[in-house]
């Protein structure tokens, strides 16, 4: 989807990832570079033995070695915590809730059958509330889970790197850099990136898959 290219063992990104994976007692993941000027990174994989780390060309140009180390440690913390599996389960539950709401919508529109008592006993307001608010609730829960996993990955990354300072500095740069050069990310995968890709039509903060950057930096400062 993002035209990522696997890089060799001597690449700066591979060297950093290998050192941190060893410190985290994790298998060496595959390492990819995304040909995009927007600074960002993500990890994926169903478990630590089948993981991959990807970073854009933009982030490699923007960050110094300590900052890049903080970012990769954050991504390896996601791998260690099996966050891809957790987010997949959350997305599946959200999709199931939305499907039930959609079925309720079609039942309300086309469910003219049934006995007169069934129709008279139904509550159209409750049905309408289910149709409208169930998908919204599912999105809120999924976003809240994603935000909590980001905080945990920040803390875990600081532990792997041995210091929170690199990640704190990286987050400040990434906040500005991703606004200046937005990443045209697919909405289905935008939650995977270390900072929310900034593109047209942003969501309200309560639906955001990422906590505010300042809150993340404050939480990291409290780890010192």
Protein backbone atom coordinates (compact mmCIF):
# COMPACT_ATOMS: atom_id res chain seq x y z
CA UNK A 1 0.00 0.00 0.00
CA UNK A 2 2.81 2.44 0.86
CA UNK A 3 5.37 1.08 -1.67
CA UNK A 4 7.77 0.18 1.16
CA UNK A 5 11.11 -1.33 0.18
CA UNK A 6 13.01 -3.75 2.42
CA UNK A 7 16.50 -2.51 3.28
CA UNK A 8 19.70 -4.40 3.95
CA UNK A 9 21.49 -5.02 7.27
CA UNK A 10 23.91 -2.11 6.83
CA UNK A 11 21.20 0.52 6.43
CA UNK A 12 20.96 3.05 9.26
CA UNK A 13 17.40 1.93 10.05
CA UNK A 14 18.38 -1.76 10.18
CA UNK A 15 21.38 -1.10 12.45
CA UNK A 16 19.23 0.87 14.90
CA UNK A 17 16.43 -1.69 14.83
CA UNK A 18 18.79 -4.63 15.40
CA UNK A 19 20.42 -3.00 18.42
CA UNK A 20 17.07 -2.14 20.00
CA UNK A 21 15.50 -5.52 19.21
CA UNK A 22 18.42 -7.16 21.03
CA UNK A 23 17.91 -4.86 24.02
CA UNK A 24 14.19 -5.70 24.02
CA UNK A 25 14.85 -9.46 23.69
CA UNK A 26 12.86 -9.55 20.46
CA UNK A 27 13.55 -11.33 17.17
CA UNK A 28 14.90 -9.05 14.47
CA UNK A 29 11.93 -7.77 12.45
CA UNK A 30 12.02 -7.04 8.75
CA UNK A 31 12.89 -3.41 8.08
CA UNK A 32 11.37 -1.25 5.35
CA UNK A 33 11.71 2.30 4.08
CA UNK A 34 8.66 4.08 2.65
CA UNK A 35 9.44 6.49 -0.22
CA UNK A 36 7.53 9.44 1.22
CA UNK A 37 8.74 12.84 2.43
CA UNK A 38 6.24 12.98 5.31
CA UNK A 39 7.98 11.96 8.56
CA UNK A 40 6.33 8.91 10.10
CA UNK A 41 6.82 5.25 11.03
CA UNK A 42 4.87 2.15 12.01
CA UNK A 43 5.22 -1.50 12.98
CA UNK A 44 3.07 -4.42 11.96
CA UNK A 45 2.94 -8.19 12.26
CA UNK A 46 0.76 -10.75 13.98
CA UNK A 47 3.42 -11.60 16.59
CA UNK A 48 7.06 -10.77 17.42
CA UNK A 49 8.32 -13.58 15.18
CA UNK A 50 6.48 -12.16 12.18
CA UNK A 51 6.98 -8.42 12.61
CA UNK A 52 8.08 -5.57 10.41
CA UNK A 53 9.14 -2.00 11.08
CA UNK A 54 8.74 0.70 8.45
CA UNK A 55 9.90 4.32 8.40
CA UNK A 56 9.52 7.00 5.76
CA UNK A 57 12.40 8.69 4.01
CA UNK A 58 11.13 11.90 5.61
CA UNK A 59 11.61 10.67 9.16
CA UNK A 60 15.12 9.43 8.39
CA UNK A 61 16.05 12.89 7.12
CA UNK A 62 14.37 14.75 9.98
CA UNK A 63 15.58 12.87 13.08
CA UNK A 64 19.02 12.48 14.59
CA UNK A 65 20.22 9.09 15.83
CA UNK A 66 18.85 9.42 19.39
CA UNK A 67 15.45 10.56 18.12
CA UNK A 68 15.28 7.76 15.55
CA UNK A 69 16.19 5.32 18.32
CA UNK A 70 13.26 6.61 20.39
CA UNK A 71 10.85 6.12 17.50
CA UNK A 72 12.02 2.60 16.66
CA UNK A 73 11.95 1.63 20.35
CA UNK A 74 8.31 2.83 20.42
CA UNK A 75 7.50 0.64 17.42
CA UNK A 76 9.23 -2.37 18.94
CA UNK A 77 7.19 -1.84 22.10
CA UNK A 78 4.07 -2.18 19.93
CA UNK A 79 5.47 -5.47 18.66
CA UNK A 80 6.32 -6.67 22.16
CA UNK A 81 2.85 -5.76 23.46
CA UNK A 82 1.19 -7.49 20.45
CA UNK A 83 -0.71 -4.29 19.74
CA UNK A 84 -1.43 -5.24 16.14
CA UNK A 85 -3.42 -8.22 17.42
CA UNK A 86 -5.19 -6.06 20.03
CA UNK A 87 -6.10 -3.39 17.49
CA UNK A 88 -7.33 -6.08 15.09
CA UNK A 89 -9.63 -7.51 17.77
CA UNK A 90 -10.90 -4.01 18.61
CA UNK A 91 -11.55 -3.32 14.92
CA UNK A 92 -13.40 -6.65 14.56
CA UNK A 93 -15.62 -5.91 17.56
CA UNK A 94 -16.32 -2.42 16.22
CA UNK A 95 -17.18 -3.85 12.81
CA UNK A 96 -19.56 -6.37 14.42
CA UNK A 97 -21.34 -3.60 16.34
CA UNK A 98 -21.68 -1.57 13.16
CA UNK A 99 -23.04 -4.60 11.31
CA UNK A 100 -25.70 -5.14 13.99
CA UNK A 101 -26.66 -1.46 13.76
CA UNK A 102 -26.86 -1.74 9.96
CA UNK A 103 -29.09 -4.81 10.29
CA UNK A 104 -31.32 -2.87 12.68
CA UNK A 105 -31.49 -0.06 10.13
CA UNK A 106 -32.60 -2.40 7.35
CA UNK A 107 -35.06 -4.09 9.70
CA UNK A 108 -36.59 -0.71 10.49
CA UNK A 109 -36.79 0.24 6.81
CA UNK A 110 -37.99 -3.04 5.32
CA UNK A 111 -39.23 -5.11 8.25
CA UNK A 112 -42.89 -4.57 7.57
CA UNK A 113 -43.72 -8.15 8.40
CA UNK A 114 -44.50 -9.62 11.78
CA UNK A 115 -47.62 -9.45 13.87
CA UNK A 116 -49.47 -6.28 14.70
CA UNK A 117 -48.54 -6.69 18.37
CA UNK A 118 -44.82 -6.90 17.45
CA UNK A 119 -45.04 -3.70 15.44
CA UNK A 120 -47.03 -1.90 18.14
CA UNK A 121 -44.58 -3.08 20.82
CA UNK A 122 -41.51 -1.78 19.01
CA UNK A 123 -40.02 1.54 20.03
CA UNK A 124 -39.01 3.58 16.95
CA UNK A 125 -37.03 6.06 19.07
CA UNK A 126 -34.99 3.26 20.64
CA UNK A 127 -34.44 1.73 17.21
CA UNK A 128 -33.28 5.07 15.82
CA UNK A 129 -30.95 5.59 18.79
CA UNK A 130 -29.42 2.15 18.18
CA UNK A 131 -28.87 2.88 14.51
CA UNK A 132 -27.21 6.24 15.20
CA UNK A 133 -25.30 5.73 18.43
CA UNK A 134 -24.11 2.11 18.24
CA UNK A 135 -21.61 2.80 15.41
CA UNK A 136 -20.51 5.99 17.18
CA UNK A 137 -19.91 4.07 20.41
CA UNK A 138 -17.94 1.44 18.53
CA UNK A 139 -15.70 4.10 16.98
CA UNK A 140 -15.17 5.77 20.36
CA UNK A 141 -14.16 2.50 22.02
CA UNK A 142 -11.80 1.59 19.18
CA UNK A 143 -10.18 5.05 19.28
CA UNK A 144 -9.83 4.94 23.07
CA UNK A 145 -8.10 1.54 22.92
CA UNK A 146 -5.72 2.86 20.25
CA UNK A 147 -4.85 5.94 22.32
CA UNK A 148 -4.16 3.85 25.43
CA UNK A 149 -1.86 1.55 23.44
CA UNK A 150 0.09 4.59 22.20
CA UNK A 151 0.76 5.72 25.78
CA UNK A 152 1.89 2.20 26.69
CA UNK A 153 4.14 1.98 23.63
CA UNK A 154 5.69 5.35 24.52
CA UNK A 155 6.51 4.08 28.01
CA UNK A 156 7.71 0.73 26.69
CA UNK A 157 9.84 2.42 24.05
CA UNK A 158 11.48 4.66 26.64
CA UNK A 159 12.33 1.53 28.64
CA UNK A 160 13.80 -0.25 25.62
CA UNK A 161 15.87 2.79 24.62
CA UNK A 162 16.90 3.45 28.21
CA UNK A 163 15.73 7.06 28.13
CA UNK A 164 12.58 8.99 27.15
CA UNK A 165 14.47 11.99 25.77
CA UNK A 166 14.95 10.75 22.22
CA UNK A 167 11.26 9.95 21.79
CA UNK A 168 10.21 13.23 23.42
CA UNK A 169 12.34 15.23 20.98
CA UNK A 170 11.18 13.08 18.05
CA UNK A 171 7.50 13.61 18.88
CA UNK A 172 7.97 17.39 18.86
CA UNK A 173 9.62 17.27 15.44
CA UNK A 174 7.09 14.80 14.05
CA UNK A 175 4.14 16.91 15.19
CA UNK A 176 5.40 19.85 13.13
CA UNK A 177 6.82 17.84 10.25
CA UNK A 178 3.66 15.81 9.63
CA UNK A 179 1.62 19.01 9.49
CA UNK A 180 4.00 20.63 7.02
CA UNK A 181 4.16 17.52 4.81
CA UNK A 182 0.97 15.48 5.32
CA UNK A 183 1.00 11.77 4.63
CA UNK A 184 -1.73 10.53 2.32
CA UNK A 185 -2.56 7.60 4.58
CA UNK A 186 -5.36 5.11 4.13
CA UNK A 187 -7.86 5.69 7.01
CA UNK A 188 -7.86 1.95 7.73
CA UNK A 189 -4.15 2.05 8.60
CA UNK A 190 -3.66 5.58 9.95
CA UNK A 191 -3.87 4.32 13.56
CA UNK A 192 -0.66 2.31 13.03
CA UNK A 193 1.64 5.31 12.56
CA UNK A 194 3.58 6.84 15.45
CA UNK A 195 1.85 10.19 14.90
CA UNK A 196 -1.52 10.70 13.28
CA UNK A 197 -1.08 11.43 9.57
CA UNK A 198 -2.32 14.95 8.95
CA UNK A 199 -4.51 15.15 5.89
CA UNK A 200 -7.69 16.90 4.86
CA UNK A 201 -10.83 16.21 6.89
CA UNK A 202 -9.36 15.41 10.29
CA UNK A 203 -11.53 13.82 12.96
CA UNK A 204 -12.59 15.28 16.27
CA UNK A 205 -10.13 14.59 19.07
CA UNK A 206 -12.42 12.10 20.82
CA UNK A 207 -12.42 9.98 17.66
CA UNK A 208 -8.66 10.34 17.18
CA UNK A 209 -6.58 7.17 17.31
CA UNK A 210 -3.64 9.13 18.77
CA UNK A 211 -3.39 11.12 22.01
CA UNK A 212 -2.38 14.79 21.74
CA UNK A 213 1.39 15.00 21.35
CA UNK A 214 1.77 17.29 24.37
CA UNK A 215 0.04 14.72 26.57
CA UNK A 216 2.40 12.03 25.31
CA UNK A 217 5.44 14.20 26.02
CA UNK A 218 4.13 15.04 29.50
CA UNK A 219 3.64 11.35 30.26
CA UNK A 220 7.20 10.63 29.10
CA UNK A 221 8.55 13.43 31.30
CA UNK A 222 6.88 11.77 34.29
CA UNK A 223 8.87 8.60 33.62
CA UNK A 224 12.16 10.31 34.46
